[in-house]
């Protein structure tokens, strides 16, 4: 399976495969049809507290990654990631959709890495 990330404000494409929104809040100005989602995995989004602390400040990126990975390691989050992988498994690609402007410093980047690690671990 291939993992991709894409802004909610970018046009959906056939090659996106299974599209899951990974934000806690719905992207402004977008409706359900605009996003062409298969799932809204809001439970996998970083906590509100963590988002407020991060504030999309690239200087806090390393700390955000560490804290978000810690959140994702909880039993509930781990189980939700497994469910997401299982659902997306029928497609060649799992696209994590996010609303942030910064394409390099957002939760979808961290979540993609966590899902890749989980898939590797389960494949062994």
C-alpha atoms as a PDB file:
ATOM      1  CA  UNK A   1       0.000   0.000   0.000  1.00  0.00           C
ATOM      2  CA  UNK A   2       1.150   3.512  -0.769  1.00  0.00           C
ATOM      3  CA  UNK A   3       0.597   6.376   1.678  1.00  0.00           C
ATOM      4  CA  UNK A   4      -0.011   9.906   0.462  1.00  0.00           C
ATOM      5  CA  UNK A   5      -0.937  13.203   2.045  1.00  0.00           C
ATOM      6  CA  UNK A   6      -2.997  15.933   0.407  1.00  0.00           C
ATOM      7  CA  UNK A   7      -4.455  19.270   1.423  1.00  0.00           C
ATOM      8  CA  UNK A   8      -8.223  19.422   1.686  1.00  0.00           C
ATOM      9  CA  UNK A   9      -8.072  22.431  -0.647  1.00  0.00           C
ATOM     10  CA  UNK A  10      -6.424  20.436  -3.451  1.00  0.00           C
ATOM     11  CA  UNK A  11      -8.598  18.708  -6.019  1.00  0.00           C
ATOM     12  CA  UNK A  12      -9.345  15.008  -5.309  1.00  0.00           C
ATOM     13  CA  UNK A  13      -7.999  12.580  -7.907  1.00  0.00           C
ATOM     14  CA  UNK A  14      -8.684   8.982  -8.952  1.00  0.00           C
ATOM     15  CA  UNK A  15      -5.157   8.082  -7.866  1.00  0.00           C
ATOM     16  CA  UNK A  16      -5.892   9.167  -4.263  1.00  0.00           C
ATOM     17  CA  UNK A  17      -7.445   5.782  -3.520  1.00  0.00           C
ATOM     18  CA  UNK A  18      -8.967   5.710  -0.026  1.00  0.00           C
ATOM     19  CA  UNK A  19      -9.288   9.297   1.261  1.00  0.00           C
ATOM     20  CA  UNK A  20      -9.427   9.934   5.009  1.00  0.00           C
ATOM     21  CA  UNK A  21      -9.683  13.375   6.587  1.00  0.00           C
ATOM     22  CA  UNK A  22      -7.357  13.439   9.604  1.00  0.00           C
ATOM     23  CA  UNK A  23      -8.332  16.804  11.106  1.00  0.00           C
ATOM     24  CA  UNK A  24     -10.356  17.224  14.277  1.00  0.00           C
ATOM     25  CA  UNK A  25     -12.371  20.043  12.640  1.00  0.00           C
ATOM     26  CA  UNK A  26     -13.938  20.222   9.197  1.00  0.00           C
ATOM     27  CA  UNK A  27     -11.954  22.335   6.679  1.00  0.00           C
ATOM     28  CA  UNK A  28     -13.447  25.807   6.213  1.00  0.00           C
ATOM     29  CA  UNK A  29     -15.368  26.410   3.041  1.00  0.00           C
ATOM     30  CA  UNK A  30     -15.466  22.745   2.008  1.00  0.00           C
ATOM     31  CA  UNK A  31     -18.503  20.527   1.794  1.00  0.00           C
ATOM     32  CA  UNK A  32     -18.703  16.753   1.785  1.00  0.00           C
ATOM     33  CA  UNK A  33     -18.813  16.490  -2.009  1.00  0.00           C
ATOM     34  CA  UNK A  34     -15.766  18.767  -2.397  1.00  0.00           C
ATOM     35  CA  UNK A  35     -13.594  16.456  -0.320  1.00  0.00           C
ATOM     36  CA  UNK A  36     -14.716  13.099  -1.772  1.00  0.00           C
ATOM     37  CA  UNK A  37     -13.852  11.343   1.501  1.00  0.00           C
ATOM     38  CA  UNK A  38     -14.147   7.693   2.375  1.00  0.00           C
ATOM     39  CA  UNK A  39     -13.677   8.409   6.089  1.00  0.00           C
ATOM     40  CA  UNK A  40     -13.283  11.171   8.634  1.00  0.00           C
ATOM     41  CA  UNK A  41     -10.731   9.813  11.112  1.00  0.00           C
ATOM     42  CA  UNK A  42     -11.025  12.706  13.579  1.00  0.00           C
ATOM     43  CA  UNK A  43     -10.079  10.375  16.435  1.00  0.00           C
ATOM     44  CA  UNK A  44      -6.591  10.140  14.937  1.00  0.00           C
ATOM     45  CA  UNK A  45      -6.091  13.909  14.867  1.00  0.00           C
ATOM     46  CA  UNK A  46      -3.809  15.417  17.502  1.00  0.00           C
ATOM     47  CA  UNK A  47      -5.494  16.567  20.692  1.00  0.00           C
ATOM     48  CA  UNK A  48      -6.745  20.140  20.894  1.00  0.00           C
ATOM     49  CA  UNK A  49      -4.190  20.818  23.616  1.00  0.00           C
ATOM     50  CA  UNK A  50      -1.335  19.632  21.407  1.00  0.00           C
ATOM     51  CA  UNK A  51      -2.596  21.627  18.413  1.00  0.00           C
ATOM     52  CA  UNK A  52      -2.795  24.801  20.482  1.00  0.00           C
ATOM     53  CA  UNK A  53       0.712  24.232  21.842  1.00  0.00           C
ATOM     54  CA  UNK A  54       2.130  23.609  18.351  1.00  0.00           C
ATOM     55  CA  UNK A  55       0.339  26.521  16.682  1.00  0.00           C
ATOM     56  CA  UNK A  56       1.886  25.454  13.342  1.00  0.00           C
ATOM     57  CA  UNK A  57       5.208  26.892  14.511  1.00  0.00           C
ATOM     58  CA  UNK A  58       8.009  25.079  12.617  1.00  0.00           C
ATOM     59  CA  UNK A  59      10.331  25.742  15.576  1.00  0.00           C
ATOM     60  CA  UNK A  60       8.109  23.385  17.618  1.00  0.00           C
ATOM     61  CA  UNK A  61       7.945  20.694  14.917  1.00  0.00           C
ATOM     62  CA  UNK A  62      10.251  18.150  16.596  1.00  0.00           C
ATOM     63  CA  UNK A  63       8.361  18.460  19.874  1.00  0.00           C
ATOM     64  CA  UNK A  64       5.041  18.182  18.082  1.00  0.00           C
ATOM     65  CA  UNK A  65       6.149  15.004  16.290  1.00  0.00           C
ATOM     66  CA  UNK A  66       7.292  13.421  19.539  1.00  0.00           C
ATOM     67  CA  UNK A  67       4.143  14.346  21.467  1.00  0.00           C
ATOM     68  CA  UNK A  68       1.782  13.349  18.660  1.00  0.00           C
ATOM     69  CA  UNK A  69       3.529   9.975  18.226  1.00  0.00           C
ATOM     70  CA  UNK A  70       3.054   9.474  21.971  1.00  0.00           C
ATOM     71  CA  UNK A  71      -0.676  10.183  21.567  1.00  0.00           C
ATOM     72  CA  UNK A  72      -0.863   7.747  18.643  1.00  0.00           C
ATOM     73  CA  UNK A  73       0.679   4.983  20.754  1.00  0.00           C
ATOM     74  CA  UNK A  74      -2.322   4.821  23.104  1.00  0.00           C
ATOM     75  CA  UNK A  75      -4.330   1.582  22.754  1.00  0.00           C
ATOM     76  CA  UNK A  76      -7.340   3.441  21.329  1.00  0.00           C
ATOM     77  CA  UNK A  77      -5.300   5.269  18.708  1.00  0.00           C
ATOM     78  CA  UNK A  78      -3.364   2.119  17.802  1.00  0.00           C
ATOM     79  CA  UNK A  79      -6.645   0.258  17.257  1.00  0.00           C
ATOM     80  CA  UNK A  80      -8.040   3.107  15.137  1.00  0.00           C
ATOM     81  CA  UNK A  81      -4.901   3.091  12.959  1.00  0.00           C
ATOM     82  CA  UNK A  82      -5.333  -0.661  12.414  1.00  0.00           C
ATOM     83  CA  UNK A  83      -8.973  -0.117  11.419  1.00  0.00           C
ATOM     84  CA  UNK A  84      -7.974   2.631   8.997  1.00  0.00           C
ATOM     85  CA  UNK A  85      -5.337   0.401   7.399  1.00  0.00           C
ATOM     86  CA  UNK A  86      -7.809  -2.467   7.103  1.00  0.00           C
ATOM     87  CA  UNK A  87     -10.447  -0.283   5.430  1.00  0.00           C
ATOM     88  CA  UNK A  88      -7.914   1.309   3.103  1.00  0.00           C
ATOM     89  CA  UNK A  89      -6.381  -2.070   2.247  1.00  0.00           C
ATOM     90  CA  UNK A  90      -8.765  -2.586  -0.658  1.00  0.00           C
ATOM     91  CA  UNK A  91      -7.130   0.339  -2.441  1.00  0.00           C
ATOM     92  CA  UNK A  92      -3.612   0.840  -3.710  1.00  0.00           C
ATOM     93  CA  UNK A  93      -3.266   4.189  -1.944  1.00  0.00           C
ATOM     94  CA  UNK A  94      -4.302   5.653   1.407  1.00  0.00           C
ATOM     95  CA  UNK A  95      -4.467   9.446   1.165  1.00  0.00           C
ATOM     96  CA  UNK A  96      -4.487  11.375   4.426  1.00  0.00           C
ATOM     97  CA  UNK A  97      -6.340  14.641   3.878  1.00  0.00           C
ATOM     98  CA  UNK A  98      -5.550  17.663   6.073  1.00  0.00           C
ATOM     99  CA  UNK A  99      -6.456  21.354   6.115  1.00  0.00           C
ATOM    100  CA  UNK A 100      -3.244  23.074   7.281  1.00  0.00           C
ATOM    101  CA  UNK A 101      -1.426  25.452   4.934  1.00  0.00           C
ATOM    102  CA  UNK A 102       2.039  24.153   5.773  1.00  0.00           C
ATOM    103  CA  UNK A 103       2.637  21.058   3.654  1.00  0.00           C
ATOM    104  CA  UNK A 104       5.740  19.958   5.581  1.00  0.00           C
ATOM    105  CA  UNK A 105       4.715  20.599   9.195  1.00  0.00           C
ATOM    106  CA  UNK A 106       1.281  19.064   9.808  1.00  0.00           C
ATOM    107  CA  UNK A 107      -0.276  16.062  11.513  1.00  0.00           C
ATOM    108  CA  UNK A 108      -0.760  14.122   8.266  1.00  0.00           C
ATOM    109  CA  UNK A 109       3.031  13.898   7.862  1.00  0.00           C
ATOM    110  CA  UNK A 110       3.414  12.426  11.351  1.00  0.00           C
ATOM    111  CA  UNK A 111       0.427  10.106  10.952  1.00  0.00           C
ATOM    112  CA  UNK A 112       1.698   8.835   7.577  1.00  0.00           C
ATOM    113  CA  UNK A 113       5.040   7.959   9.184  1.00  0.00           C
ATOM    114  CA  UNK A 114       3.272   6.224  12.082  1.00  0.00           C
ATOM    115  CA  UNK A 115       1.098   4.195   9.684  1.00  0.00           C
ATOM    116  CA  UNK A 116       4.134   3.210   7.622  1.00  0.00           C
ATOM    117  CA  UNK A 117       5.924   2.080  10.794  1.00  0.00           C
ATOM    118  CA  UNK A 118       2.860   0.140  11.919  1.00  0.00           C
ATOM    119  CA  UNK A 119       2.495  -1.577   8.542  1.00  0.00           C
ATOM    120  CA  UNK A 120       6.177  -2.543   8.588  1.00  0.00           C
ATOM    121  CA  UNK A 121       5.898  -3.880  12.115  1.00  0.00           C
ATOM    122  CA  UNK A 122       2.787  -5.931  11.308  1.00  0.00           C
ATOM    123  CA  UNK A 123       4.349  -7.244   8.091  1.00  0.00           C
ATOM    124  CA  UNK A 124       7.218  -8.876   9.955  1.00  0.00           C
END
